[in-house]
N, C-alpha and C. Protein backbone atom coordinates (compact mmCIF):
# COMPACT_ATOMS: atom_id res chain seq x y z
N VAL A 1 22.48 0.14 16.51
CA VAL A 1 21.84 0.20 15.24
C VAL A 1 20.64 0.14 14.95
N PHE A 2 19.29 0.56 14.91
CA PHE A 2 18.01 0.46 14.99
C PHE A 2 17.18 0.36 13.45
N THR A 3 16.71 -0.92 12.98
CA THR A 3 16.41 -0.71 11.63
C THR A 3 15.13 -1.08 11.69
N VAL A 4 14.38 -1.06 10.75
CA VAL A 4 13.16 -0.51 10.63
C VAL A 4 11.97 -1.88 10.58
N SER A 5 12.72 -3.14 10.45
CA SER A 5 11.97 -4.39 10.26
C SER A 5 13.17 -5.46 10.25
N GLY A 6 12.53 -6.59 10.66
CA GLY A 6 13.31 -7.91 10.38
C GLY A 6 14.29 -8.17 9.52
N GLU A 7 13.92 -7.78 7.93
CA GLU A 7 14.57 -8.22 6.81
C GLU A 7 15.90 -7.31 6.83
N VAL A 8 15.58 -5.69 7.11
CA VAL A 8 16.45 -4.65 6.80
C VAL A 8 17.28 -5.34 7.96
N LYS A 9 17.32 -5.76 8.75
CA LYS A 9 18.19 -6.36 10.16
C LYS A 9 19.32 -7.39 9.14
N GLU A 10 18.60 -8.15 8.79
CA GLU A 10 19.14 -9.37 8.29
C GLU A 10 19.99 -9.01 6.78
N SER A 11 19.98 -7.87 5.97
CA SER A 11 20.74 -7.30 5.42
C SER A 11 21.72 -6.59 6.10
N PHE A 12 21.29 -6.03 6.96
CA PHE A 12 22.45 -5.09 7.61
C PHE A 12 23.57 -5.73 7.87
N GLU A 13 22.99 -6.58 8.47
CA GLU A 13 24.10 -7.33 9.64
C GLU A 13 24.95 -8.29 8.85
N LYS A 14 24.62 -8.52 7.48
CA LYS A 14 25.19 -9.78 6.31
C LYS A 14 26.81 -8.73 5.93
N ILE A 15 25.93 -7.21 5.87
CA ILE A 15 26.98 -5.88 5.44
C ILE A 15 28.47 -5.77 6.48
N TYR A 16 27.60 -5.97 7.94
CA TYR A 16 28.19 -5.47 8.69
C TYR A 16 28.23 -6.29 9.84
N PRO A 17 28.47 -7.47 9.97
CA PRO A 17 28.21 -8.36 10.82
C PRO A 17 29.16 -7.91 12.40
N GLU A 18 30.11 -7.62 12.25
CA GLU A 18 30.78 -6.61 13.44
C GLU A 18 29.73 -6.01 13.68
N CYS A 19 28.18 -5.53 13.80
CA CYS A 19 27.21 -4.93 14.56
C CYS A 19 26.30 -5.58 14.94
N ALA A 20 26.32 -7.09 14.52
CA ALA A 20 25.14 -8.08 14.89
C ALA A 20 24.90 -8.12 16.38
N ASP A 21 25.83 -7.88 17.37
CA ASP A 21 25.18 -7.93 18.68
C ASP A 21 24.88 -6.21 19.36
N ARG A 22 24.88 -5.46 18.69
CA ARG A 22 24.59 -3.75 18.98
C ARG A 22 23.38 -3.42 17.66
N THR A 23 22.78 -4.35 17.10
CA THR A 23 21.33 -3.68 15.83
C THR A 23 20.38 -4.78 16.65
N PHE A 24 19.07 -3.51 16.65
CA PHE A 24 17.88 -3.89 17.00
C PHE A 24 16.59 -3.67 16.20
N ILE A 25 15.73 -3.98 16.02
CA ILE A 25 14.46 -3.56 15.23
C ILE A 25 13.44 -2.80 16.11
N PHE A 26 13.38 -1.82 15.11
CA PHE A 26 13.08 -0.83 16.18
C PHE A 26 11.43 -0.28 14.88
N HIS A 27 10.28 -0.54 14.96
CA HIS A 27 9.35 -0.80 13.65
C HIS A 27 8.81 1.06 13.92
N ASN A 28 7.94 1.07 12.60
CA ASN A 28 7.61 2.26 12.35
C ASN A 28 6.50 2.72 13.83
N LEU A 29 6.61 3.85 14.43
CA LEU A 29 5.01 4.91 14.73
C LEU A 29 4.58 4.86 14.48
N ILE A 30 3.01 4.41 14.89
CA ILE A 30 1.82 4.99 13.96
C ILE A 30 0.65 5.12 14.84
N ASP A 31 0.20 6.30 14.62
CA ASP A 31 -0.73 6.60 15.49
C ASP A 31 -1.78 6.80 14.85
N ARG A 32 -2.61 5.20 15.40
CA ARG A 32 -3.64 4.67 14.72
C ARG A 32 -4.70 5.70 14.75
N LYS A 33 -5.03 5.92 16.49
CA LYS A 33 -6.17 6.88 16.50
C LYS A 33 -6.35 7.95 15.48
N GLU A 34 -5.19 8.47 15.66
CA GLU A 34 -5.22 10.00 14.44
C GLU A 34 -5.95 9.59 13.37
N ILE A 35 -5.34 8.57 12.71
CA ILE A 35 -5.09 8.00 11.11
C ILE A 35 -6.36 7.98 11.39
N ILE A 36 -7.54 7.36 11.86
CA ILE A 36 -8.90 7.09 12.03
C ILE A 36 -9.37 8.36 11.74
N ARG A 37 -9.22 9.15 13.12
CA ARG A 37 -10.15 10.29 12.75
C ARG A 37 -9.72 10.94 11.80
N LYS A 38 -8.58 11.20 11.15
CA LYS A 38 -8.61 11.97 9.86
C LYS A 38 -9.61 11.10 8.76
N ALA A 39 -9.12 10.11 8.62
CA ALA A 39 -10.01 9.31 7.75
C ALA A 39 -11.56 9.55 7.68
N GLU A 40 -12.22 10.32 8.67
CA GLU A 40 -13.44 10.58 8.75
C GLU A 40 -13.76 11.89 8.61
N LEU A 41 -12.36 12.90 8.23
CA LEU A 41 -12.47 14.46 7.95
C LEU A 41 -12.75 14.49 6.17
N PRO A 42 -13.55 15.63 6.13
CA PRO A 42 -14.13 15.66 4.27
C PRO A 42 -12.63 15.67 3.50
N GLY A 43 -12.91 15.31 2.21
CA GLY A 43 -12.12 14.62 1.02
C GLY A 43 -12.36 13.70 0.80
N GLY A 44 -11.06 13.15 0.02
CA GLY A 44 -11.43 12.06 -0.91
C GLY A 44 -11.22 12.03 -2.11
N PHE A 45 -11.90 11.13 -2.78
CA PHE A 45 -12.35 11.18 -4.09
C PHE A 45 -13.71 12.23 -4.57
N GLU A 46 -13.19 13.03 -5.52
CA GLU A 46 -14.21 13.96 -6.10
C GLU A 46 -15.04 13.38 -6.90
N ASP A 47 -14.83 12.84 -7.90
CA ASP A 47 -15.47 12.21 -8.86
C ASP A 47 -16.64 10.97 -8.71
N THR A 48 -17.42 11.06 -9.79
CA THR A 48 -18.78 10.21 -9.21
C THR A 48 -18.57 8.48 -9.93
N TYR A 49 -17.39 8.32 -10.29
CA TYR A 49 -17.07 6.67 -10.30
C TYR A 49 -17.68 6.25 -9.55
N ASN A 50 -18.10 5.06 -9.74
CA ASN A 50 -19.30 3.92 -9.60
C ASN A 50 -18.41 2.58 -9.56
N GLY A 51 -17.46 2.54 -10.13
CA GLY A 51 -16.74 1.32 -10.36
C GLY A 51 -16.12 0.79 -8.97
N LYS A 52 -15.36 -0.20 -8.92
CA LYS A 52 -14.07 -0.05 -7.98
C LYS A 52 -13.03 0.59 -7.91
N ARG A 53 -12.31 1.14 -7.06
CA ARG A 53 -11.39 1.59 -6.74
C ARG A 53 -10.35 1.46 -6.71
N ILE A 54 -8.81 1.35 -7.01
CA ILE A 54 -7.68 1.03 -6.34
C ILE A 54 -7.43 2.14 -6.07
N LEU A 55 -5.95 1.68 -4.88
CA LEU A 55 -5.33 2.96 -4.22
C LEU A 55 -4.24 2.71 -4.13
N THR A 56 -3.23 4.13 -4.49
CA THR A 56 -1.64 3.03 -4.27
C THR A 56 -1.29 4.95 -4.05
N VAL A 57 -0.51 4.55 -2.47
CA VAL A 57 0.26 5.74 -2.14
C VAL A 57 1.94 5.39 -2.14
N GLY A 58 2.21 6.48 -2.94
CA GLY A 58 4.32 6.48 -2.99
C GLY A 58 4.60 7.38 -3.63
N ARG A 59 5.65 7.74 -3.50
CA ARG A 59 6.58 8.40 -4.08
C ARG A 59 6.06 8.24 -5.26
N LEU A 60 6.48 8.86 -6.72
CA LEU A 60 6.60 8.67 -8.15
C LEU A 60 8.33 8.26 -8.47
N THR A 61 8.74 7.29 -8.23
CA THR A 61 10.26 6.72 -7.92
C THR A 61 10.38 5.31 -9.01
N VAL A 62 11.02 5.19 -9.40
CA VAL A 62 11.41 3.99 -9.70
C VAL A 62 10.67 2.81 -8.68
N GLN A 63 11.40 2.84 -7.66
CA GLN A 63 11.44 2.00 -6.71
C GLN A 63 9.94 1.42 -6.78
N LYS A 64 8.81 2.36 -6.90
CA LYS A 64 7.87 1.70 -6.69
C LYS A 64 7.20 1.17 -8.15
N ALA A 65 7.65 0.92 -8.84
CA ALA A 65 7.39 0.11 -9.75
C ALA A 65 6.14 0.52 -10.90
N TYR A 66 5.96 2.03 -10.89
CA TYR A 66 4.56 2.21 -11.32
C TYR A 66 3.85 1.64 -12.75
N GLU A 67 5.21 1.91 -13.45
CA GLU A 67 5.23 1.45 -14.80
C GLU A 67 4.42 0.23 -15.08
N THR A 68 4.95 -1.10 -14.18
CA THR A 68 4.19 -2.13 -13.88
C THR A 68 2.97 -1.91 -13.67
N ALA A 69 2.84 -1.33 -12.61
CA ALA A 69 0.98 -1.30 -12.36
C ALA A 69 0.19 -0.27 -13.15
N ILE A 70 1.04 0.64 -14.20
CA ILE A 70 0.38 0.64 -15.16
C ILE A 70 -0.07 -0.14 -16.41
N ASP A 71 0.78 -0.71 -16.74
CA ASP A 71 0.39 -1.88 -17.24
C ASP A 71 -0.66 -3.09 -17.14
N ALA A 72 -0.63 -2.85 -15.38
CA ALA A 72 -1.45 -4.02 -14.91
C ALA A 72 -2.70 -3.57 -15.35
N MET A 73 -2.80 -2.59 -14.82
CA MET A 73 -4.16 -1.41 -15.12
C MET A 73 -4.90 -1.53 -16.66
N LYS A 74 -3.80 -1.70 -17.93
CA LYS A 74 -4.21 -1.90 -19.44
C LYS A 74 -4.58 -3.44 -19.66
N LEU A 75 -3.98 -4.54 -18.84
CA LEU A 75 -4.55 -5.58 -18.75
C LEU A 75 -5.83 -5.62 -17.90
N LEU A 76 -6.48 -5.00 -17.46
CA LEU A 76 -7.68 -5.44 -16.40
C LEU A 76 -9.07 -4.08 -17.73
N LYS A 77 -8.37 -3.29 -18.12
CA LYS A 77 -9.38 -2.42 -19.29
C LYS A 77 -9.51 -3.34 -19.98
N ASP A 78 -8.57 -4.30 -20.61
CA ASP A 78 -8.22 -4.70 -21.91
C ASP A 78 -9.86 -5.99 -21.74
N GLN A 79 -9.83 -6.24 -20.66
CA GLN A 79 -10.49 -7.33 -20.26
C GLN A 79 -11.80 -7.06 -19.74
N GLY A 80 -11.96 -5.29 -19.80
CA GLY A 80 -13.39 -4.78 -19.69
C GLY A 80 -14.06 -4.63 -18.08
N VAL A 81 -12.92 -4.33 -17.07
CA VAL A 81 -13.19 -5.14 -15.58
C VAL A 81 -13.70 -3.38 -15.17
N ASN A 82 -14.53 -2.79 -14.64
CA ASN A 82 -14.74 -1.69 -14.34
C ASN A 82 -14.01 -1.48 -12.95
N VAL A 83 -12.92 -0.92 -13.20
CA VAL A 83 -12.08 -0.53 -12.35
C VAL A 83 -11.28 1.27 -12.86
N ARG A 84 -10.79 1.65 -11.82
CA ARG A 84 -9.91 2.76 -11.32
C ARG A 84 -9.04 2.73 -10.62
N TRP A 85 -7.73 3.30 -11.15
CA TRP A 85 -6.88 3.42 -10.31
C TRP A 85 -6.07 4.59 -9.66
N TYR A 86 -5.68 4.81 -8.61
CA TYR A 86 -5.01 6.17 -8.00
C TYR A 86 -4.49 6.29 -7.55
N VAL A 87 -3.80 7.07 -7.74
CA VAL A 87 -2.59 7.15 -7.00
C VAL A 87 -1.96 8.41 -5.88
N LEU A 88 -1.65 8.79 -5.07
CA LEU A 88 -1.28 9.66 -4.42
C LEU A 88 0.22 9.86 -4.36
N GLY A 89 0.68 10.83 -4.55
CA GLY A 89 2.22 10.82 -4.13
C GLY A 89 3.08 11.80 -5.58
N GLU A 90 3.57 12.63 -5.28
CA GLU A 90 4.74 13.29 -6.22
C GLU A 90 6.27 12.73 -6.55
N GLY A 91 6.84 13.08 -7.53
CA GLY A 91 7.95 12.45 -7.66
C GLY A 91 8.61 12.81 -8.80
N GLU A 92 10.01 12.55 -9.39
CA GLU A 92 10.54 12.87 -10.77
C GLU A 92 9.95 12.02 -11.72
N LEU A 93 9.63 11.01 -11.55
CA LEU A 93 9.04 9.83 -12.58
C LEU A 93 7.45 10.67 -13.16
N LYS A 94 6.51 11.77 -12.21
CA LYS A 94 5.14 12.00 -12.69
C LYS A 94 5.30 12.50 -14.40
N GLU A 95 5.84 13.25 -15.10
CA GLU A 95 5.85 13.71 -16.28
C GLU A 95 6.15 12.06 -17.35
N GLN A 96 6.90 11.47 -16.75
CA GLN A 96 7.01 10.08 -17.79
C GLN A 96 5.98 9.25 -17.64
N LEU A 97 5.64 9.03 -16.73
CA LEU A 97 4.32 8.09 -16.14
C LEU A 97 3.05 8.34 -16.47
N GLN A 98 2.73 9.94 -16.71
CA GLN A 98 1.74 10.46 -17.24
C GLN A 98 1.56 10.57 -19.05
N GLN A 99 3.60 10.60 -19.51
CA GLN A 99 3.16 10.08 -21.14
C GLN A 99 2.63 8.90 -21.23
N LYS A 100 3.21 7.71 -20.48
CA LYS A 100 2.70 6.49 -20.42
C LYS A 100 1.30 6.11 -20.47
N ILE A 101 0.40 7.02 -19.50
CA ILE A 101 -0.76 6.35 -19.32
C ILE A 101 -1.80 7.35 -20.44
N ASP A 102 -0.95 8.15 -21.17
CA ASP A 102 -2.11 8.72 -21.92
C ASP A 102 -1.75 7.73 -23.27
N SER A 103 -0.30 7.57 -23.03
CA SER A 103 -0.51 6.50 -24.83
C SER A 103 -0.84 5.12 -24.46
N LEU A 104 -1.30 5.01 -23.48
CA LEU A 104 -1.72 3.30 -23.56
C LEU A 104 -3.45 3.93 -23.54
N GLY A 105 -3.99 4.98 -23.56
CA GLY A 105 -5.53 5.05 -23.16
C GLY A 105 -6.08 4.84 -22.14
N LEU A 106 -5.26 5.58 -21.19
CA LEU A 106 -5.37 5.53 -19.41
C LEU A 106 -5.89 6.35 -19.01
N THR A 107 -5.71 7.50 -19.41
CA THR A 107 -5.93 8.76 -18.89
C THR A 107 -7.18 9.31 -17.85
N GLY A 108 -8.21 8.33 -17.69
CA GLY A 108 -9.53 8.41 -16.86
C GLY A 108 -9.39 7.24 -16.59
N ASP A 109 -8.71 6.09 -16.38
CA ASP A 109 -8.45 5.25 -15.50
C ASP A 109 -6.97 4.92 -14.82
N PHE A 110 -6.01 5.53 -15.04
CA PHE A 110 -5.09 5.36 -13.96
C PHE A 110 -4.48 6.87 -13.77
N ILE A 111 -4.78 7.38 -12.95
CA ILE A 111 -4.53 8.86 -12.45
C ILE A 111 -3.80 9.13 -11.31
N LEU A 112 -3.09 9.93 -11.61
CA LEU A 112 -1.87 10.80 -10.86
C LEU A 112 -2.68 12.19 -10.19
N LEU A 113 -3.03 11.94 -8.91
CA LEU A 113 -3.65 12.73 -8.30
C LEU A 113 -2.96 13.46 -7.49
N GLY A 114 -1.27 13.95 -7.43
CA GLY A 114 -0.34 14.34 -6.67
C GLY A 114 -0.56 13.91 -4.79
N ALA A 115 -0.26 14.86 -4.29
CA ALA A 115 -0.12 14.91 -3.41
C ALA A 115 -0.88 15.70 -2.25
N GLU A 116 -1.52 14.71 -1.59
CA GLU A 116 -2.50 15.53 -0.47
C GLU A 116 -2.11 15.65 0.90
N GLU A 117 -2.35 16.20 1.96
CA GLU A 117 -1.95 16.73 3.06
C GLU A 117 -2.98 15.68 3.78
N ASN A 118 -4.02 15.21 3.46
CA ASN A 118 -4.53 14.21 4.29
C ASN A 118 -5.19 13.21 3.43
N PRO A 119 -4.14 12.21 3.25
CA PRO A 119 -4.32 11.00 2.50
C PRO A 119 -5.59 10.28 2.74
N TYR A 120 -5.77 10.08 4.11
CA TYR A 120 -6.89 9.07 4.78
C TYR A 120 -8.37 9.04 4.16
N PRO A 121 -8.43 10.12 4.15
CA PRO A 121 -10.28 9.72 3.04
C PRO A 121 -10.05 8.72 1.99
N TYR A 122 -8.93 8.83 1.50
CA TYR A 122 -8.72 8.53 -0.06
C TYR A 122 -8.80 6.78 0.64
N TYR A 123 -8.04 6.61 1.52
CA TYR A 123 -7.86 5.12 1.90
C TYR A 123 -8.85 4.88 2.30
N LYS A 124 -10.04 5.03 2.90
CA LYS A 124 -10.96 4.80 3.60
C LYS A 124 -12.18 4.23 2.52
N GLN A 125 -11.93 5.02 1.61
CA GLN A 125 -12.97 4.68 0.41
C GLN A 125 -12.73 4.42 -0.58
N CYS A 126 -11.34 3.49 -0.76
CA CYS A 126 -11.09 2.77 -2.01
C CYS A 126 -11.38 1.36 -1.34
N ASP A 127 -11.51 0.83 -2.64
CA ASP A 127 -11.85 -0.68 -2.20
C ASP A 127 -10.69 -1.77 -2.45
N ILE A 128 -9.72 -1.49 -2.83
CA ILE A 128 -8.50 -2.00 -2.69
C ILE A 128 -7.36 -1.65 -2.65
N TYR A 129 -6.13 -1.21 -1.53
CA TYR A 129 -5.40 -0.97 -1.50
C TYR A 129 -4.08 -2.01 -2.09
N VAL A 130 -3.37 -1.31 -3.37
CA VAL A 130 -2.49 -2.09 -4.08
C VAL A 130 -0.76 -1.16 -3.54
N HIS A 131 0.07 -2.08 -3.23
CA HIS A 131 1.45 -1.57 -3.25
C HIS A 131 2.27 -2.68 -3.81
N ALA A 132 2.48 -2.42 -5.07
CA ALA A 132 3.50 -3.01 -6.25
C ALA A 132 5.04 -2.14 -6.42
N THR A 133 5.56 -2.82 -5.26
CA THR A 133 7.05 -2.23 -5.18
C THR A 133 7.93 -2.94 -5.64
N GLY A 134 9.12 -2.84 -6.03
CA GLY A 134 10.31 -3.41 -6.03
C GLY A 134 10.94 -3.95 -5.09
N TYR A 135 10.96 -3.37 -3.74
CA TYR A 135 11.39 -3.97 -2.72
C TYR A 135 11.06 -2.60 -1.26
N GLU A 136 11.26 -2.60 -0.30
CA GLU A 136 10.63 -1.67 0.87
C GLU A 136 11.39 -1.90 1.75
N GLY A 137 11.82 -1.16 2.78
CA GLY A 137 12.00 -1.18 4.17
C GLY A 137 10.87 -2.23 4.97
N LYS A 138 9.94 -1.07 5.67
CA LYS A 138 8.76 -1.68 6.19
C LYS A 138 7.97 -0.76 5.27
N SER A 139 6.46 -0.59 4.60
CA SER A 139 5.68 0.11 4.63
C SER A 139 5.17 1.14 5.37
N ILE A 140 4.95 2.20 5.50
CA ILE A 140 3.77 3.20 6.30
C ILE A 140 2.99 2.97 5.44
N ALA A 141 2.58 3.08 4.43
CA ALA A 141 1.43 3.45 3.50
C ALA A 141 0.57 2.38 3.72
N ILE A 142 1.41 0.82 3.76
CA ILE A 142 1.03 -0.40 3.70
C ILE A 142 0.02 -0.45 5.67
N GLN A 143 0.60 0.18 6.34
CA GLN A 143 0.42 -0.16 7.60
C GLN A 143 -0.89 0.89 8.01
N GLU A 144 -0.90 1.76 7.14
CA GLU A 144 -1.91 2.82 7.01
C GLU A 144 -2.90 1.83 6.77
N ALA A 145 -3.54 1.36 5.35
CA ALA A 145 -4.18 1.11 5.02
C ALA A 145 -4.58 -0.44 5.68
N GLN A 146 -3.82 -1.35 6.38
CA GLN A 146 -4.32 -2.02 7.40
C GLN A 146 -4.98 -1.44 8.56
N ILE A 147 -4.61 -0.23 9.37
CA ILE A 147 -5.44 0.18 10.41
C ILE A 147 -6.90 0.75 9.57
N LEU A 148 -6.95 1.01 8.88
CA LEU A 148 -8.28 1.68 8.19
C LEU A 148 -9.46 0.13 7.06
N LYS A 149 -8.39 -0.79 7.98
CA LYS A 149 -9.32 -2.27 6.95
C LYS A 149 -9.39 -2.51 5.72
N LYS A 150 -8.35 -1.92 4.87
CA LYS A 150 -8.73 -2.10 3.67
C LYS A 150 -7.55 -3.48 3.07
N PRO A 151 -8.35 -4.42 2.28
CA PRO A 151 -7.83 -5.47 1.71
C PRO A 151 -6.61 -5.14 1.00
N ILE A 152 -5.86 -5.48 0.90
CA ILE A 152 -4.19 -5.20 0.67
C ILE A 152 -3.49 -6.12 -0.47
N LEU A 153 -3.04 -5.64 -1.72
CA LEU A 153 -2.26 -6.86 -2.57
C LEU A 153 -0.85 -5.86 -2.80
N ALA A 154 0.13 -6.68 -2.29
CA ALA A 154 1.49 -6.03 -2.18
C ALA A 154 2.33 -7.11 -2.73
N THR A 155 3.19 -6.85 -3.67
CA THR A 155 4.26 -7.72 -4.50
C THR A 155 5.13 -8.31 -3.40
N ASP A 156 5.81 -9.53 -3.75
CA ASP A 156 6.29 -10.34 -2.58
C ASP A 156 7.88 -9.88 -3.02
N CYS A 157 8.07 -9.11 -2.05
CA CYS A 157 9.58 -8.83 -1.94
C CYS A 157 9.98 -8.22 -0.33
N SER A 158 10.71 -8.18 -0.51
CA SER A 158 11.35 -7.48 0.73
C SER A 158 10.84 -6.47 1.44
N GLY A 159 10.63 -6.37 2.93
CA GLY A 159 9.69 -5.76 3.30
C GLY A 159 7.88 -5.81 3.66
N ASN A 160 7.62 -6.07 2.27
CA ASN A 160 6.09 -6.28 2.05
C ASN A 160 5.70 -7.59 2.86
N ARG A 161 6.71 -8.95 2.06
CA ARG A 161 6.07 -10.16 2.95
C ARG A 161 6.62 -10.12 3.97
N GLU A 162 7.28 -9.07 4.83
CA GLU A 162 7.22 -9.23 6.38
C GLU A 162 5.71 -8.99 7.29
N GLN A 163 4.92 -7.90 6.45
CA GLN A 163 4.04 -7.12 6.47
C GLN A 163 2.52 -7.72 6.40
N ILE A 164 2.58 -8.84 5.32
CA ILE A 164 1.27 -9.38 5.06
C ILE A 164 1.45 -11.07 4.87
N GLU A 165 0.74 -11.78 5.42
CA GLU A 165 0.64 -13.20 5.45
C GLU A 165 0.06 -13.06 4.31
N GLN A 166 0.29 -14.61 3.41
CA GLN A 166 -0.24 -14.43 2.12
C GLN A 166 -1.79 -15.25 2.27
N GLY A 167 -3.03 -14.70 1.80
CA GLY A 167 -4.63 -15.37 1.89
C GLY A 167 -4.47 -15.31 3.46
N ILE A 168 -4.24 -14.65 4.36
CA ILE A 168 -4.98 -14.50 5.62
C ILE A 168 -4.96 -12.92 6.01
N ASP A 169 -4.40 -12.06 6.08
CA ASP A 169 -4.48 -10.65 6.09
C ASP A 169 -4.18 -10.21 4.78
N GLY A 170 -4.01 -10.40 3.42
CA GLY A 170 -3.81 -9.99 2.43
C GLY A 170 -3.24 -10.79 1.42
N ARG A 171 -2.79 -10.34 0.19
CA ARG A 171 -2.27 -11.14 -0.82
C ARG A 171 -1.03 -10.67 -1.33
N LEU A 172 -0.47 -11.16 -2.04
CA LEU A 172 1.02 -11.21 -2.36
C LEU A 172 1.16 -11.51 -3.76
N CYS A 173 1.78 -11.14 -4.70
CA CYS A 173 2.28 -11.13 -5.92
C CYS A 173 3.58 -10.98 -6.32
N ILE A 174 3.77 -11.94 -7.55
CA ILE A 174 5.57 -11.35 -7.86
C ILE A 174 4.73 -9.96 -9.07
N LEU A 175 6.37 -9.01 -9.11
CA LEU A 175 6.06 -7.51 -9.50
C LEU A 175 6.02 -8.51 -11.33
N THR A 176 4.92 -8.42 -11.53
CA THR A 176 4.73 -8.42 -13.12
C THR A 176 3.50 -7.55 -13.41
N PRO A 177 2.69 -7.46 -15.14
CA PRO A 177 1.70 -6.61 -14.91
C PRO A 177 0.45 -8.05 -14.53
N GLU A 178 0.84 -9.25 -15.30
CA GLU A 178 0.09 -10.39 -15.34
C GLU A 178 -0.38 -10.71 -14.16
N SER A 179 0.42 -10.81 -13.27
CA SER A 179 0.35 -11.14 -11.58
C SER A 179 -0.79 -10.34 -11.04
N ILE A 180 -0.04 -9.12 -10.98
CA ILE A 180 -0.61 -7.96 -10.23
C ILE A 180 -2.37 -7.77 -10.92
N SER A 181 -2.17 -8.35 -12.29
CA SER A 181 -3.51 -7.63 -12.20
C SER A 181 -4.60 -9.03 -12.14
N ASN A 182 -4.36 -10.40 -12.42
CA ASN A 182 -4.87 -11.38 -11.86
C ASN A 182 -5.29 -11.32 -10.91
N GLU A 183 -4.69 -10.48 -9.51
CA GLU A 183 -4.69 -10.77 -8.03
C GLU A 183 -5.70 -9.53 -8.20
N ILE A 184 -5.83 -8.67 -8.89
CA ILE A 184 -6.58 -7.73 -8.50
C ILE A 184 -7.93 -8.16 -8.84
N LEU A 185 -8.23 -8.66 -10.19
CA LEU A 185 -9.35 -9.20 -10.47
C LEU A 185 -10.22 -10.16 -9.41
N TRP A 186 -9.15 -11.57 -8.66
CA TRP A 186 -9.32 -12.02 -8.04
C TRP A 186 -10.01 -11.29 -6.84
N MET A 187 -9.21 -10.29 -6.27
CA MET A 187 -9.91 -9.51 -5.04
C MET A 187 -11.40 -9.08 -5.37
N ILE A 188 -11.36 -8.32 -6.83
CA ILE A 188 -12.94 -7.70 -6.93
C ILE A 188 -13.75 -8.83 -6.72
N GLU A 189 -13.39 -10.06 -7.31
CA GLU A 189 -14.55 -11.15 -7.39
C GLU A 189 -14.87 -12.01 -6.01
N HIS A 190 -13.49 -11.02 -4.88
CA HIS A 190 -13.99 -12.16 -3.84
C HIS A 190 -13.98 -11.52 -2.78
N PRO A 191 -15.86 -10.32 -2.73
CA PRO A 191 -15.22 -9.35 -1.82
C PRO A 191 -15.15 -9.89 -0.06
N LYS A 192 -15.82 -11.19 0.32
CA LYS A 192 -15.84 -11.53 1.27
C LYS A 192 -14.39 -11.72 2.08
N GLU A 193 -13.99 -12.38 1.15
CA GLU A 193 -12.39 -12.79 1.45
C GLU A 193 -11.49 -11.54 1.91
N CYS A 194 -12.04 -10.98 1.05
CA CYS A 194 -11.30 -9.30 1.26
C CYS A 194 -11.54 -8.64 2.53
N GLN A 195 -13.12 -8.81 2.47
CA GLN A 195 -13.59 -8.15 4.12
C GLN A 195 -12.68 -8.53 5.04
N SER A 196 -12.52 -10.07 5.34
CA SER A 196 -12.00 -10.94 6.09
C SER A 196 -10.17 -10.52 6.45
N TYR A 197 -9.83 -10.03 5.03
CA TYR A 197 -8.32 -9.51 4.94
C TYR A 197 -8.17 -8.42 5.75
N GLY A 198 -9.10 -7.29 6.01
CA GLY A 198 -8.90 -6.28 6.13
C GLY A 198 -9.15 -5.89 7.91
N GLU A 199 -10.04 -7.10 7.78
CA GLU A 199 -10.41 -7.02 9.54
C GLU A 199 -9.28 -7.67 10.50
N LYS A 200 -8.51 -8.64 9.23
CA LYS A 200 -7.55 -9.82 10.30
C LYS A 200 -6.18 -8.43 10.00
N ALA A 201 -6.20 -7.86 9.44
CA ALA A 201 -4.77 -6.46 9.10
C ALA A 201 -5.13 -5.80 9.96
N GLU A 202 -6.53 -4.91 10.31
CA GLU A 202 -6.81 -4.45 11.35
C GLU A 202 -6.38 -4.84 12.62
N LYS A 203 -6.22 -6.29 13.03
CA LYS A 203 -6.19 -6.53 14.44
C LYS A 203 -4.96 -6.65 14.54
N LYS A 204 -3.71 -7.16 13.52
CA LYS A 204 -2.46 -7.22 13.48
C LYS A 204 -1.70 -5.69 13.71
N VAL A 205 -2.16 -4.84 13.03
CA VAL A 205 -1.61 -3.40 13.44
C VAL A 205 -2.45 -3.19 14.79
N LEU A 206 -3.13 -3.35 15.42
CA LEU A 206 -3.67 -2.92 16.77
C LEU A 206 -2.57 -3.71 17.84
N GLN A 207 -2.35 -5.09 17.70
CA GLN A 207 -1.61 -5.53 18.65
C GLN A 207 -0.31 -5.61 18.73
N SER A 208 0.13 -4.89 17.05
CA SER A 208 1.82 -4.37 16.83
C SER A 208 1.51 -3.09 17.77
N ASN A 209 0.80 -2.22 17.61
CA ASN A 209 0.65 -1.12 18.11
C ASN A 209 0.56 -0.45 19.07
N ARG A 210 0.32 -1.48 20.52
CA ARG A 210 -0.44 -0.67 21.77
C ARG A 210 0.57 -0.39 22.14
N GLY A 211 1.44 -0.73 22.09
CA GLY A 211 2.62 -0.04 23.35
C GLY A 211 2.98 1.65 23.01
N LEU A 212 2.77 2.26 21.68
CA LEU A 212 2.70 3.39 21.18
C LEU A 212 1.09 4.08 21.24
N ASP A 213 -0.08 2.88 21.68
CA ASP A 213 -1.31 3.55 22.33
C ASP A 213 -1.06 3.88 23.41
N GLU A 214 -0.43 2.62 24.37
CA GLU A 214 -0.49 3.07 25.97
C GLU A 214 0.38 4.49 25.92
N PHE A 215 1.52 4.32 25.16
CA PHE A 215 2.44 5.84 25.89
C PHE A 215 1.57 7.32 25.11
N LEU A 216 0.70 6.96 24.06
CA LEU A 216 0.50 8.52 23.85
C LEU A 216 -0.70 8.42 24.93
N ASN A 217 -1.38 7.37 25.11
CA ASN A 217 -2.84 7.96 26.06
C ASN A 217 -1.71 8.33 27.98
N TRP A 218 -0.28 7.90 28.44
CA TRP A 218 0.18 8.06 29.02
C TRP A 218 0.05 9.63 28.90
N MET A 219 0.88 10.14 27.80
CA MET A 219 1.75 11.51 27.44
C MET A 219 -0.14 12.37 27.59
N LYS A 220 -1.09 12.05 27.26
CA LYS A 220 -2.49 12.64 27.60
C LYS A 220 -2.79 13.22 29.13
């Protein structure tokens, strides 16, 4: 049995202890060079907004806690923060989330972009990547943001905390509108620290992905 992360392995073994001696971790395989190449292709944000851009990539499902993110955005706008939040993804909650966005007066501030064949120009062009989820196995979206040197804010939950070291290569927070909005504001006000997060995150992915890079080079 292969699990995607250490925390998933621990959870699995608690339920199936008889499998502990044949359960192993097998991390997501990410083609770093291809992501960097695709990030340079045409695409990305089409508006002329000149404030800070937040990006989240993920399915529009309960797990991803978008309603909490929308409430966090409302707090930021009430404080007059010059920021816009974009979401790439589709899902069964799209209509419900759009209704909440509209009811809070955030129609032009929290934008559901739908799915994109190439999301990487959006990653490259955003200022902060936010992954405020209820739980994760191991997020490929976080890994993609790390590859492109993005400062990342994620909720302190299973999966996320295994990918981000608080205050070293990103930031973690609890899943509340207040905590998320406060951390985003802190990141906006501390660009040097955020640049350092992105650089260290890229190095982490580079080290963990070295085996895949060597395999792909061998295949060529």
